[in-house]
Amino acid sequence: MLARFSALLVVATVAVAVSASPAAASYGTKVVISLKTPAFHGKVTSGRSACVGGRTVRLFRKKAGPDTVLGTDRSNAKGKWAIPIGRLRSGASYYAKAAAKGRCRAAKSRVLNIG
């Protein structure tokens, strides 16, 4: 009985040691947005170069209820993206989001209000 208890104690100790190891690091991301008709342009930036390129960026228009997705692009190796737009709505607000990728965190741009 003592041998069985010792074996269980060793297994429990190993499980605690594995779960107590530090979590995988994640890296911050920032999304910049600007309007240069006929498209919204921007850049994904990060302190880690692997978090810049190949990021899915979505453009949203704020509205009552769920916001509307107006388009999607993938950032290039320098983090640049562009999403063409149709007619802008006066008084509308727009923003962009970069989806998480691996250990790179998701990010949201500031909101642009069109007057």
PDB file of N, CA and C in Angstrom:
ATOM      1  N   MET A   1       0.832  -1.195   0.000  1.00  0.00           N
ATOM      2  CA  MET A   1       0.000   0.000   0.000  1.00  0.00           C
ATOM      3  C   MET A   1       0.870   1.249   0.000  1.00  0.00           C
ATOM      4  N   LEU A   2       1.973   1.219   0.737  1.00  0.00           N
ATOM      5  CA  LEU A   2       2.866   2.367   0.802  1.00  0.00           C
ATOM      6  C   LEU A   2       3.501   2.638  -0.563  1.00  0.00           C
ATOM      7  N   ALA A   3       3.887   1.591  -1.304  1.00  0.00           N
ATOM      8  CA  ALA A   3       4.476   1.759  -2.637  1.00  0.00           C
ATOM      9  C   ALA A   3       3.460   2.402  -3.573  1.00  0.00           C
ATOM     10  N   ARG A   4       2.200   1.982  -3.495  1.00  0.00           N
ATOM     11  CA  ARG A   4       1.165   2.568  -4.350  1.00  0.00           C
ATOM     12  C   ARG A   4       0.955   4.037  -4.002  1.00  0.00           C
ATOM     13  N   PHE A   5       0.923   4.392  -2.730  1.00  0.00           N
ATOM     14  CA  PHE A   5       0.774   5.775  -2.295  1.00  0.00           C
ATOM     15  C   PHE A   5       1.959   6.611  -2.788  1.00  0.00           C
ATOM     16  N   SER A   6       3.190   6.081  -2.699  1.00  0.00           N
ATOM     17  CA  SER A   6       4.378   6.804  -3.163  1.00  0.00           C
ATOM     18  C   SER A   6       4.296   7.070  -4.655  1.00  0.00           C
ATOM     19  N   ALA A   7       3.845   6.092  -5.412  1.00  0.00           N
ATOM     20  CA  ALA A   7       3.726   6.266  -6.862  1.00  0.00           C
ATOM     21  C   ALA A   7       2.698   7.343  -7.180  1.00  0.00           C
ATOM     22  N   LEU A   8       1.575   7.365  -6.488  1.00  0.00           N
ATOM     23  CA  LEU A   8       0.564   8.391  -6.702  1.00  0.00           C
ATOM     24  C   LEU A   8       1.089   9.765  -6.333  1.00  0.00           C
ATOM     25  N   LEU A   9       1.868   9.858  -5.270  1.00  0.00           N
ATOM     26  CA  LEU A   9       2.447  11.127  -4.848  1.00  0.00           C
ATOM     27  C   LEU A   9       3.407  11.650  -5.903  1.00  0.00           C
ATOM     28  N   VAL A  10       4.228  10.769  -6.487  1.00  0.00           N
ATOM     29  CA  VAL A  10       5.166  11.187  -7.538  1.00  0.00           C
ATOM     30  C   VAL A  10       4.397  11.693  -8.751  1.00  0.00           C
ATOM     31  N   VAL A  11       3.352  10.996  -9.179  1.00  0.00           N
ATOM     32  CA  VAL A  11       2.550  11.421 -10.321  1.00  0.00           C
ATOM     33  C   VAL A  11       1.903  12.768 -10.034  1.00  0.00           C
ATOM     34  N   ALA A  12       1.349  12.956  -8.851  1.00  0.00           N
ATOM     35  CA  ALA A  12       0.720  14.231  -8.492  1.00  0.00           C
ATOM     36  C   ALA A  12       1.741  15.350  -8.469  1.00  0.00           C
ATOM     37  N   THR A  13       2.950  15.086  -7.985  1.00  0.00           N
ATOM     38  CA  THR A  13       3.995  16.111  -7.952  1.00  0.00           C
ATOM     39  C   THR A  13       4.392  16.512  -9.354  1.00  0.00           C
ATOM     40  N   VAL A  14       4.547  15.564 -10.262  1.00  0.00           N
ATOM     41  CA  VAL A  14       4.899  15.862 -11.650  1.00  0.00           C
ATOM     42  C   VAL A  14       3.804  16.690 -12.304  1.00  0.00           C
ATOM     43  N   ALA A  15       2.541  16.352 -12.080  1.00  0.00           N
ATOM     44  CA  ALA A  15       1.432  17.100 -12.666  1.00  0.00           C
ATOM     45  C   ALA A  15       1.423  18.540 -12.179  1.00  0.00           C
ATOM     46  N   VAL A  16       1.690  18.765 -10.907  1.00  0.00           N
ATOM     47  CA  VAL A  16       1.745  20.124 -10.370  1.00  0.00           C
ATOM     48  C   VAL A  16       2.920  20.872 -10.962  1.00  0.00           C
ATOM     49  N   ALA A  17       4.065  20.228 -11.104  1.00  0.00           N
ATOM     50  CA  ALA A  17       5.244  20.888 -11.662  1.00  0.00           C
ATOM     51  C   ALA A  17       5.005  21.302 -13.108  1.00  0.00           C
ATOM     52  N   VAL A  18       4.334  20.461 -13.882  1.00  0.00           N
ATOM     53  CA  VAL A  18       4.061  20.793 -15.277  1.00  0.00           C
ATOM     54  C   VAL A  18       3.069  21.935 -15.367  1.00  0.00           C
ATOM     55  N   SER A  19       2.016  21.909 -14.569  1.00  0.00           N
ATOM     56  CA  SER A  19       1.017  22.965 -14.657  1.00  0.00           C
ATOM     57  C   SER A  19       1.525  24.280 -14.072  1.00  0.00           C
ATOM     58  N   ALA A  20       2.546  24.253 -13.235  1.00  0.00           N
ATOM     59  CA  ALA A  20       3.061  25.479 -12.642  1.00  0.00           C
ATOM     60  C   ALA A  20       4.101  26.151 -13.527  1.00  0.00           C
ATOM     61  N   SER A  21       4.481  25.524 -14.647  1.00  0.00           N
ATOM     62  CA  SER A  21       5.473  26.147 -15.531  1.00  0.00           C
ATOM     63  C   SER A  21       4.881  27.415 -16.117  1.00  0.00           C
ATOM     64  N   PRO A  22       5.728  28.414 -16.424  1.00  0.00           N
ATOM     65  CA  PRO A  22       5.197  29.676 -16.930  1.00  0.00           C
ATOM     66  C   PRO A  22       4.460  29.472 -18.255  1.00  0.00           C
ATOM     67  N   ALA A  23       3.376  30.209 -18.426  1.00  0.00           N
ATOM     68  CA  ALA A  23       2.597  30.120 -19.659  1.00  0.00           C
ATOM     69  C   ALA A  23       3.423  30.635 -20.824  1.00  0.00           C
ATOM     70  N   ALA A  24       3.102  30.171 -22.015  1.00  0.00           N
ATOM     71  CA  ALA A  24       3.796  30.641 -23.209  1.00  0.00           C
ATOM     72  C   ALA A  24       3.593  32.143 -23.336  1.00  0.00           C
ATOM     73  N   ALA A  25       4.656  32.848 -23.634  1.00  0.00           N
ATOM     74  CA  ALA A  25       4.585  34.300 -23.763  1.00  0.00           C
ATOM     75  C   ALA A  25       3.705  34.679 -24.946  1.00  0.00           C
ATOM     76  N   SER A  26       2.958  35.765 -24.808  1.00  0.00           N
ATOM     77  CA  SER A  26       2.205  36.298 -25.934  1.00  0.00           C
ATOM     78  C   SER A  26       2.741  37.692 -26.215  1.00  0.00           C
ATOM     79  N   TYR A  27       2.534  38.148 -27.426  1.00  0.00           N
ATOM     80  CA  TYR A  27       3.139  39.401 -27.861  1.00  0.00           C
ATOM     81  C   TYR A  27       2.065  40.407 -28.234  1.00  0.00           C
ATOM     82  N   GLY A  28       2.259  41.634 -27.800  1.00  0.00           N
ATOM     83  CA  GLY A  28       1.313  42.698 -28.064  1.00  0.00           C
ATOM     84  C   GLY A  28       1.306  43.111 -29.516  1.00  0.00           C
ATOM     85  N   THR A  29       0.175  43.634 -29.946  1.00  0.00           N
ATOM     86  CA  THR A  29      -0.024  44.083 -31.314  1.00  0.00           C
ATOM     87  C   THR A  29      -0.778  45.394 -31.277  1.00  0.00           C
ATOM     88  N   LYS A  30      -0.522  46.240 -32.266  1.00  0.00           N
ATOM     89  CA  LYS A  30      -1.247  47.494 -32.401  1.00  0.00           C
ATOM     90  C   LYS A  30      -1.719  47.597 -33.849  1.00  0.00           C
ATOM     91  N   VAL A  31      -2.927  48.107 -34.052  1.00  0.00           N
ATOM     92  CA  VAL A  31      -3.463  48.314 -35.392  1.00  0.00           C
ATOM     93  C   VAL A  31      -3.696  49.802 -35.581  1.00  0.00           C
ATOM     94  N   VAL A  32      -3.138  50.347 -36.651  1.00  0.00           N
ATOM     95  CA  VAL A  32      -3.304  51.759 -36.993  1.00  0.00           C
ATOM     96  C   VAL A  32      -4.240  51.830 -38.187  1.00  0.00           C
ATOM     97  N   ILE A  33      -5.152  52.809 -38.177  1.00  0.00           N
ATOM     98  CA  ILE A  33      -6.118  52.962 -39.277  1.00  0.00           C
ATOM     99  C   ILE A  33      -6.129  54.407 -39.735  1.00  0.00           C
ATOM    100  N   SER A  34      -6.262  54.602 -41.068  1.00  0.00           N
ATOM    101  CA  SER A  34      -6.442  55.942 -41.628  1.00  0.00           C
ATOM    102  C   SER A  34      -7.300  55.813 -42.877  1.00  0.00           C
ATOM    103  N   LEU A  35      -7.882  56.912 -43.279  1.00  0.00           N
ATOM    104  CA  LEU A  35      -8.752  56.909 -44.447  1.00  0.00           C
ATOM    105  C   LEU A  35      -8.081  57.689 -45.564  1.00  0.00           C
ATOM    106  N   LYS A  36      -7.840  57.022 -46.650  1.00  0.00           N
ATOM    107  CA  LYS A  36      -7.343  57.632 -47.882  1.00  0.00           C
ATOM    108  C   LYS A  36      -8.211  57.054 -48.978  1.00  0.00           C
ATOM    109  N   THR A  37      -9.319  57.742 -49.273  1.00  0.00           N
ATOM    110  CA  THR A  37     -10.275  57.185 -50.224  1.00  0.00           C
ATOM    111  C   THR A  37      -9.568  56.832 -51.523  1.00  0.00           C
ATOM    112  N   PRO A  38      -9.899  55.737 -52.105  1.00  0.00           N
ATOM    113  CA  PRO A  38     -11.103  54.936 -51.927  1.00  0.00           C
ATOM    114  C   PRO A  38     -10.925  53.744 -50.984  1.00  0.00           C
ATOM    115  N   ALA A  39     -10.030  53.840 -50.012  1.00  0.00           N
ATOM    116  CA  ALA A  39      -9.823  52.699 -49.108  1.00  0.00           C
ATOM    117  C   ALA A  39      -9.389  53.176 -47.728  1.00  0.00           C
ATOM    118  N   PHE A  40      -9.648  52.318 -46.752  1.00  0.00           N
ATOM    119  CA  PHE A  40      -9.052  52.490 -45.438  1.00  0.00           C
ATOM    120  C   PHE A  40      -7.697  51.809 -45.504  1.00  0.00           C
ATOM    121  N   HIS A  41      -6.696  52.432 -44.949  1.00  0.00           N
ATOM    122  CA  HIS A  41      -5.337  51.889 -44.926  1.00  0.00           C
ATOM    123  C   HIS A  41      -4.887  51.783 -43.488  1.00  0.00           C
ATOM    124  N   GLY A  42      -3.882  50.976 -43.264  1.00  0.00           N
ATOM    125  CA  GLY A  42      -3.351  50.891 -41.923  1.00  0.00           C
ATOM    126  C   GLY A  42      -2.118  50.036 -41.857  1.00  0.00           C
ATOM    127  N   LYS A  43      -1.704  49.811 -40.628  1.00  0.00           N
ATOM    128  CA  LYS A  43      -0.495  49.038 -40.394  1.00  0.00           C
ATOM    129  C   LYS A  43      -0.645  48.269 -39.089  1.00  0.00           C
ATOM    130  N   VAL A  44      -0.172  47.028 -39.103  1.00  0.00           N
ATOM    131  CA  VAL A  44      -0.103  46.210 -37.901  1.00  0.00           C
ATOM    132  C   VAL A  44       1.318  46.341 -37.383  1.00  0.00           C
ATOM    133  N   THR A  45       1.476  46.692 -36.120  1.00  0.00           N
ATOM    134  CA  THR A  45       2.809  46.818 -35.535  1.00  0.00           C
ATOM    135  C   THR A  45       2.911  45.946 -34.293  1.00  0.00           C
ATOM    136  N   SER A  46       4.141  45.556 -33.989  1.00  0.00           N
ATOM    137  CA  SER A  46       4.391  44.737 -32.816  1.00  0.00           C
ATOM    138  C   SER A  46       5.881  44.795 -32.502  1.00  0.00           C
ATOM    139  N   GLY A  47       6.226  44.540 -31.268  1.00  0.00           N
ATOM    140  CA  GLY A  47       7.625  44.449 -30.875  1.00  0.00           C
ATOM    141  C   GLY A  47       8.274  43.181 -31.411  1.00  0.00           C
ATOM    142  N   ARG A  48       7.475  42.263 -31.906  1.00  0.00           N
ATOM    143  CA  ARG A  48       7.973  41.004 -32.465  1.00  0.00           C
ATOM    144  C   ARG A  48       7.657  40.990 -33.954  1.00  0.00           C
ATOM    145  N   SER A  49       8.663  40.946 -34.803  1.00  0.00           N
ATOM    146  CA  SER A  49       8.466  41.035 -36.251  1.00  0.00           C
ATOM    147  C   SER A  49       7.570  39.917 -36.793  1.00  0.00           C
ATOM    148  N   ALA A  50       7.580  38.745 -36.174  1.00  0.00           N
ATOM    149  CA  ALA A  50       6.731  37.642 -36.632  1.00  0.00           C
ATOM    150  C   ALA A  50       5.250  37.950 -36.447  1.00  0.00           C
ATOM    151  N   CYS A  51       4.916  38.962 -35.657  1.00  0.00           N
ATOM    152  CA  CYS A  51       3.519  39.313 -35.399  1.00  0.00           C
ATOM    153  C   CYS A  51       2.993  40.376 -36.362  1.00  0.00           C
ATOM    154  N   VAL A  52       3.798  40.790 -37.330  1.00  0.00           N
ATOM    155  CA  VAL A  52       3.406  41.890 -38.214  1.00  0.00           C
ATOM    156  C   VAL A  52       2.774  41.393 -39.517  1.00  0.00           C
ATOM    157  N   GLY A  53       3.432  40.532 -40.239  1.00  0.00           N
ATOM    158  CA  GLY A  53       2.955  40.068 -41.544  1.00  0.00           C
ATOM    159  C   GLY A  53       1.978  38.917 -41.436  1.00  0.00           C
ATOM    160  N   GLY A  54       1.132  38.801 -42.462  1.00  0.00           N
ATOM    161  CA  GLY A  54       0.203  37.682 -42.535  1.00  0.00           C
ATOM    162  C   GLY A  54      -0.936  37.726 -41.544  1.00  0.00           C
ATOM    163  N   ARG A  55      -1.240  38.896 -41.019  1.00  0.00           N
ATOM    164  CA  ARG A  55      -2.336  39.037 -40.045  1.00  0.00           C
ATOM    165  C   ARG A  55      -3.634  39.354 -40.776  1.00  0.00           C
ATOM    166  N   THR A  56      -4.714  38.718 -40.372  1.00  0.00           N
ATOM    167  CA  THR A  56      -6.028  39.004 -40.927  1.00  0.00           C
ATOM    168  C   THR A  56      -6.561  40.269 -40.275  1.00  0.00           C
ATOM    169  N   VAL A  57      -6.884  41.268 -41.112  1.00  0.00           N
ATOM    170  CA  VAL A  57      -7.421  42.544 -40.623  1.00  0.00           C
ATOM    171  C   VAL A  57      -8.825  42.703 -41.191  1.00  0.00           C
ATOM    172  N   ARG A  58      -9.768  43.033 -40.321  1.00  0.00           N
ATOM    173  CA  ARG A  58     -11.157  43.254 -40.742  1.00  0.00           C
ATOM    174  C   ARG A  58     -11.550  44.693 -40.441  1.00  0.00           C
ATOM    175  N   LEU A  59     -12.283  45.299 -41.375  1.00  0.00           N
ATOM    176  CA  LEU A  59     -12.793  46.653 -41.217  1.00  0.00           C
ATOM    177  C   LEU A  59     -14.259  46.571 -40.811  1.00  0.00           C
ATOM    178  N   PHE A  60     -14.628  47.339 -39.786  1.00  0.00           N
ATOM    179  CA  PHE A  60     -15.989  47.330 -39.257  1.00  0.00           C
ATOM    180  C   PHE A  60     -16.603  48.729 -39.295  1.00  0.00           C
ATOM    181  N   ARG A  61     -17.925  48.777 -39.467  1.00  0.00           N
ATOM    182  CA  ARG A  61     -18.689  50.007 -39.264  1.00  0.00           C
ATOM    183  C   ARG A  61     -19.527  49.781 -38.022  1.00  0.00           C
ATOM    184  N   LYS A  62     -19.419  50.703 -37.064  1.00  0.00           N
ATOM    185  CA  LYS A  62     -20.203  50.599 -35.833  1.00  0.00           C
ATOM    186  C   LYS A  62     -21.655  50.904 -36.141  1.00  0.00           C
ATOM    187  N   LYS A  63     -22.540  50.158 -35.495  1.00  0.00           N
ATOM    188  CA  LYS A  63     -23.974  50.409 -35.626  1.00  0.00           C
ATOM    189  C   LYS A  63     -24.682  49.801 -34.430  1.00  0.00           C
ATOM    190  N   ALA A  64     -25.949  50.104 -34.285  1.00  0.00           N
ATOM    191  CA  ALA A  64     -26.733  49.493 -33.215  1.00  0.00           C
ATOM    192  C   ALA A  64     -26.782  47.993 -33.479  1.00  0.00           C
ATOM    193  N   GLY A  65     -26.562  47.208 -32.462  1.00  0.00           N
ATOM    194  CA  GLY A  65     -26.488  45.757 -32.645  1.00  0.00           C
ATOM    195  C   GLY A  65     -25.076  45.373 -33.056  1.00  0.00           C
ATOM    196  N   PRO A  66     -24.933  44.215 -33.663  1.00  0.00           N
ATOM    197  CA  PRO A  66     -23.582  43.788 -34.077  1.00  0.00           C
ATOM    198  C   PRO A  66     -23.018  44.711 -35.158  1.00  0.00           C
ATOM    199  N   ASP A  67     -21.748  45.042 -35.047  1.00  0.00           N
ATOM    200  CA  ASP A  67     -21.104  45.898 -36.047  1.00  0.00           C
ATOM    201  C   ASP A  67     -20.996  45.148 -37.374  1.00  0.00           C
ATOM    202  N   THR A  68     -20.971  45.910 -38.472  1.00  0.00           N
ATOM    203  CA  THR A  68     -20.935  45.340 -39.814  1.00  0.00           C
ATOM    204  C   THR A  68     -19.502  45.194 -40.300  1.00  0.00           C
ATOM    205  N   VAL A  69     -19.146  44.008 -40.786  1.00  0.00           N
ATOM    206  CA  VAL A  69     -17.827  43.793 -41.393  1.00  0.00           C
ATOM    207  C   VAL A  69     -17.907  44.292 -42.834  1.00  0.00           C
ATOM    208  N   LEU A  70     -17.042  45.249 -43.192  1.00  0.00           N
ATOM    209  CA  LEU A  70     -17.062  45.820 -44.535  1.00  0.00           C
ATOM    210  C   LEU A  70     -16.032  45.194 -45.460  1.00  0.00           C
ATOM    211  N   GLY A  71     -15.020  44.573 -44.907  1.00  0.00           N
ATOM    212  CA  GLY A  71     -13.998  43.959 -45.744  1.00  0.00           C
ATOM    213  C   GLY A  71     -12.893  43.357 -44.919  1.00  0.00           C
ATOM    214  N   THR A  72     -12.063  42.576 -45.596  1.00  0.00           N
ATOM    215  CA  THR A  72     -10.956  41.874 -44.946  1.00  0.00           C
ATOM    216  C   THR A  72      -9.723  41.958 -45.829  1.00  0.00           C
ATOM    217  N   ASP A  73      -8.563  42.051 -45.200  1.00  0.00           N
ATOM    218  CA  ASP A  73      -7.284  42.009 -45.915  1.00  0.00           C
ATOM    219  C   ASP A  73      -6.285  41.277 -45.038  1.00  0.00           C
ATOM    220  N   ARG A  74      -5.158  40.922 -45.622  1.00  0.00           N
ATOM    221  CA  ARG A  74      -4.074  40.290 -44.873  1.00  0.00           C
ATOM    222  C   ARG A  74      -2.886  41.245 -44.935  1.00  0.00           C
ATOM    223  N   SER A  75      -2.282  41.526 -43.787  1.00  0.00           N
ATOM    224  CA  SER A  75      -1.146  42.451 -43.749  1.00  0.00           C
ATOM    225  C   SER A  75       0.054  41.851 -44.476  1.00  0.00           C
ATOM    226  N   ASN A  76       0.834  42.733 -45.138  1.00  0.00           N
ATOM    227  CA  ASN A  76       2.031  42.255 -45.837  1.00  0.00           C
ATOM    228  C   ASN A  76       3.183  42.124 -44.846  1.00  0.00           C
ATOM    229  N   ALA A  77       4.362  41.816 -45.334  1.00  0.00           N
ATOM    230  CA  ALA A  77       5.530  41.591 -44.469  1.00  0.00           C
ATOM    231  C   ALA A  77       5.882  42.815 -43.630  1.00  0.00           C
ATOM    232  N   LYS A  78       5.501  44.001 -44.094  1.00  0.00           N
ATOM    233  CA  LYS A  78       5.760  45.234 -43.341  1.00  0.00           C
ATOM    234  C   LYS A  78       4.563  45.636 -42.482  1.00  0.00           C
ATOM    235  N   GLY A  79       3.519  44.818 -42.486  1.00  0.00           N
ATOM    236  CA  GLY A  79       2.340  45.087 -41.665  1.00  0.00           C
ATOM    237  C   GLY A  79       1.286  45.936 -42.334  1.00  0.00           C
ATOM    238  N   LYS A  80       1.506  46.354 -43.575  1.00  0.00           N
ATOM    239  CA  LYS A  80       0.553  47.247 -44.249  1.00  0.00           C
ATOM    240  C   LYS A  80      -0.649  46.473 -44.775  1.00  0.00           C
ATOM    241  N   TRP A  81      -1.804  47.115 -44.709  1.00  0.00           N
ATOM    242  CA  TRP A  81      -3.038  46.547 -45.222  1.00  0.00           C
ATOM    243  C   TRP A  81      -3.895  47.660 -45.813  1.00  0.00           C
ATOM    244  N   ALA A  82      -4.840  47.309 -46.693  1.00  0.00           N
ATOM    245  CA  ALA A  82      -5.771  48.276 -47.290  1.00  0.00           C
ATOM    246  C   ALA A  82      -7.070  47.549 -47.615  1.00  0.00           C
ATOM    247  N   ILE A  83      -8.181  48.197 -47.298  1.00  0.00           N
ATOM    248  CA  ILE A  83      -9.490  47.622 -47.584  1.00  0.00           C
ATOM    249  C   ILE A  83     -10.307  48.674 -48.328  1.00  0.00           C
ATOM    250  N   PRO A  84     -10.576  48.415 -49.624  1.00  0.00           N
ATOM    251  CA  PRO A  84     -11.385  49.363 -50.408  1.00  0.00           C
ATOM    252  C   PRO A  84     -12.791  49.463 -49.826  1.00  0.00           C
ATOM    253  N   ILE A  85     -13.354  50.636 -49.943  1.00  0.00           N
ATOM    254  CA  ILE A  85     -14.697  50.854 -49.418  1.00  0.00           C
ATOM    255  C   ILE A  85     -15.570  51.483 -50.494  1.00  0.00           C
ATOM    256  N   GLY A  86     -16.846  51.315 -50.341  1.00  0.00           N
ATOM    257  CA  GLY A  86     -17.808  51.954 -51.234  1.00  0.00           C
ATOM    258  C   GLY A  86     -18.075  53.357 -50.714  1.00  0.00           C
ATOM    259  N   ARG A  87     -19.304  53.709 -50.663  1.00  0.00           N
ATOM    260  CA  ARG A  87     -19.707  55.029 -50.180  1.00  0.00           C
ATOM    261  C   ARG A  87     -19.610  55.101 -48.665  1.00  0.00           C
ATOM    262  N   LEU A  88     -19.021  56.172 -48.160  1.00  0.00           N
ATOM    263  CA  LEU A  88     -18.957  56.391 -46.713  1.00  0.00           C
ATOM    264  C   LEU A  88     -20.262  57.012 -46.238  1.00  0.00           C
ATOM    265  N   ARG A  89     -20.662  56.654 -45.050  1.00  0.00           N
ATOM    266  CA  ARG A  89     -21.867  57.226 -44.457  1.00  0.00           C
ATOM    267  C   ARG A  89     -21.471  58.381 -43.549  1.00  0.00           C
ATOM    268  N   SER A  90     -22.084  59.523 -43.755  1.00  0.00           N
ATOM    269  CA  SER A  90     -21.847  60.669 -42.895  1.00  0.00           C
ATOM    270  C   SER A  90     -22.330  60.329 -41.495  1.00  0.00           C
ATOM    271  N   GLY A  91     -21.517  60.626 -40.489  1.00  0.00           N
ATOM    272  CA  GLY A  91     -21.864  60.346 -39.107  1.00  0.00           C
ATOM    273  C   GLY A  91     -21.539  58.925 -38.670  1.00  0.00           C
ATOM    274  N   ALA A  92     -20.991  58.111 -39.574  1.00  0.00           N
ATOM    275  CA  ALA A  92     -20.664  56.721 -39.232  1.00  0.00           C
ATOM    276  C   ALA A  92     -19.284  56.636 -38.594  1.00  0.00           C
ATOM    277  N   SER A  93     -19.059  55.555 -37.882  1.00  0.00           N
ATOM    278  CA  SER A  93     -17.782  55.305 -37.216  1.00  0.00           C
ATOM    279  C   SER A  93     -17.215  53.979 -37.712  1.00  0.00           C
ATOM    280  N   TYR A  94     -15.902  53.959 -37.947  1.00  0.00           N
ATOM    281  CA  TYR A  94     -15.228  52.789 -38.504  1.00  0.00           C
ATOM    282  C   TYR A  94     -14.018  52.428 -37.648  1.00  0.00           C
ATOM    283  N   TYR A  95     -13.680  51.139 -37.618  1.00  0.00           N
ATOM    284  CA  TYR A  95     -12.478  50.682 -36.928  1.00  0.00           C
ATOM    285  C   TYR A  95     -12.002  49.384 -37.566  1.00  0.00           C
ATOM    286  N   ALA A  96     -10.769  48.999 -37.255  1.00  0.00           N
ATOM    287  CA  ALA A  96     -10.194  47.760 -37.785  1.00  0.00           C
ATOM    288  C   ALA A  96      -9.754  46.872 -36.627  1.00  0.00           C
ATOM    289  N   LYS A  97      -9.769  45.575 -36.884  1.00  0.00           N
ATOM    290  CA  LYS A  97      -9.294  44.589 -35.911  1.00  0.00           C
ATOM    291  C   LYS A  97      -8.321  43.640 -36.599  1.00  0.00           C
ATOM    292  N   ALA A  98      -7.227  43.351 -35.916  1.00  0.00           N
ATOM    293  CA  ALA A  98      -6.292  42.316 -36.363  1.00  0.00           C
ATOM    294  C   ALA A  98      -6.561  41.086 -35.512  1.00  0.00           C
ATOM    295  N   ALA A  99      -6.780  39.965 -36.165  1.00  0.00           N
ATOM    296  CA  ALA A  99      -7.056  38.717 -35.451  1.00  0.00           C
ATOM    297  C   ALA A  99      -5.784  38.204 -34.787  1.00  0.00           C
ATOM    298  N   ALA A 100      -5.945  37.453 -33.715  1.00  0.00           N
ATOM    299  CA  ALA A 100      -4.805  36.812 -33.062  1.00  0.00           C
ATOM    300  C   ALA A 100      -4.188  35.809 -34.040  1.00  0.00           C
ATOM    301  N   LYS A 101      -2.884  35.630 -33.906  1.00  0.00           N
ATOM    302  CA  LYS A 101      -2.169  34.678 -34.768  1.00  0.00           C
ATOM    303  C   LYS A 101      -1.079  34.037 -33.923  1.00  0.00           C
ATOM    304  N   GLY A 102      -1.235  32.762 -33.648  1.00  0.00           N
ATOM    305  CA  GLY A 102      -0.258  32.087 -32.792  1.00  0.00           C
ATOM    306  C   GLY A 102      -0.201  32.761 -31.439  1.00  0.00           C
ATOM    307  N   ARG A 103       0.995  33.196 -31.040  1.00  0.00           N
ATOM    308  CA  ARG A 103       1.149  33.873 -29.749  1.00  0.00           C
ATOM    309  C   ARG A 103       1.025  35.391 -29.870  1.00  0.00           C
ATOM    310  N   CYS A 104       0.634  35.870 -31.042  1.00  0.00           N
ATOM    311  CA  CYS A 104       0.435  37.308 -31.265  1.00  0.00           C
ATOM    312  C   CYS A 104      -1.005  37.666 -30.918  1.00  0.00           C
ATOM    313  N   ARG A 105      -1.173  38.601 -30.007  1.00  0.00           N
ATOM    314  CA  ARG A 105      -2.509  38.978 -29.529  1.00  0.00           C
ATOM    315  C   ARG A 105      -3.323  39.712 -30.593  1.00  0.00           C
ATOM    316  N   ALA A 106      -4.623  39.629 -30.479  1.00  0.00           N
ATOM    317  CA  ALA A 106      -5.536  40.394 -31.321  1.00  0.00           C
ATOM    318  C   ALA A 106      -5.443  41.867 -30.912  1.00  0.00           C
ATOM    319  N   ALA A 107      -5.841  42.750 -31.819  1.00  0.00           N
ATOM    320  CA  ALA A 107      -5.802  44.178 -31.508  1.00  0.00           C
ATOM    321  C   ALA A 107      -6.919  44.902 -32.245  1.00  0.00           C
ATOM    322  N   LYS A 108      -7.303  46.046 -31.713  1.00  0.00           N
ATOM    323  CA  LYS A 108      -8.343  46.886 -32.314  1.00  0.00           C
ATOM    324  C   LYS A 108      -7.781  48.297 -32.473  1.00  0.00           C
ATOM    325  N   SER A 109      -8.077  48.916 -33.620  1.00  0.00           N
ATOM    326  CA  SER A 109      -7.620  50.286 -33.878  1.00  0.00           C
ATOM    327  C   SER A 109      -8.497  51.288 -33.127  1.00  0.00           C
ATOM    328  N   ARG A 110      -8.122  52.527 -33.217  1.00  0.00           N
ATOM    329  CA  ARG A 110      -8.989  53.594 -32.711  1.00  0.00           C
ATOM    330  C   ARG A 110     -10.183  53.699 -33.664  1.00  0.00           C
ATOM    331  N   VAL A 111     -11.219  54.366 -33.239  1.00  0.00           N
ATOM    332  CA  VAL A 111     -12.424  54.535 -34.059  1.00  0.00           C
ATOM    333  C   VAL A 111     -12.309  55.843 -34.838  1.00  0.00           C
ATOM    334  N   LEU A 112     -12.576  55.763 -36.156  1.00  0.00           N
ATOM    335  CA  LEU A 112     -12.600  56.954 -36.999  1.00  0.00           C
ATOM    336  C   LEU A 112     -14.053  57.372 -37.200  1.00  0.00           C
ATOM    337  N   ASN A 113     -14.380  58.607 -36.860  1.00  0.00           N
ATOM    338  CA  ASN A 113     -15.729  59.128 -37.048  1.00  0.00           C
ATOM    339  C   ASN A 113     -15.740  59.975 -38.303  1.00  0.00           C
ATOM    340  N   ILE A 114     -16.668  59.689 -39.209  1.00  0.00           N
ATOM    341  CA  ILE A 114     -16.784  60.419 -40.459  1.00  0.00           C
ATOM    342  C   ILE A 114     -17.857  61.492 -40.287  1.00  0.00           C
ATOM    343  N   GLY A 115     -17.460  62.739 -40.496  1.00  0.00           N
ATOM    344  CA  GLY A 115     -18.386  63.854 -40.269  1.00  0.00           C
ATOM    345  C   GLY A 115     -19.145  64.279 -41.455  1.00  0.00           C
TER     346      GLY A 115
END
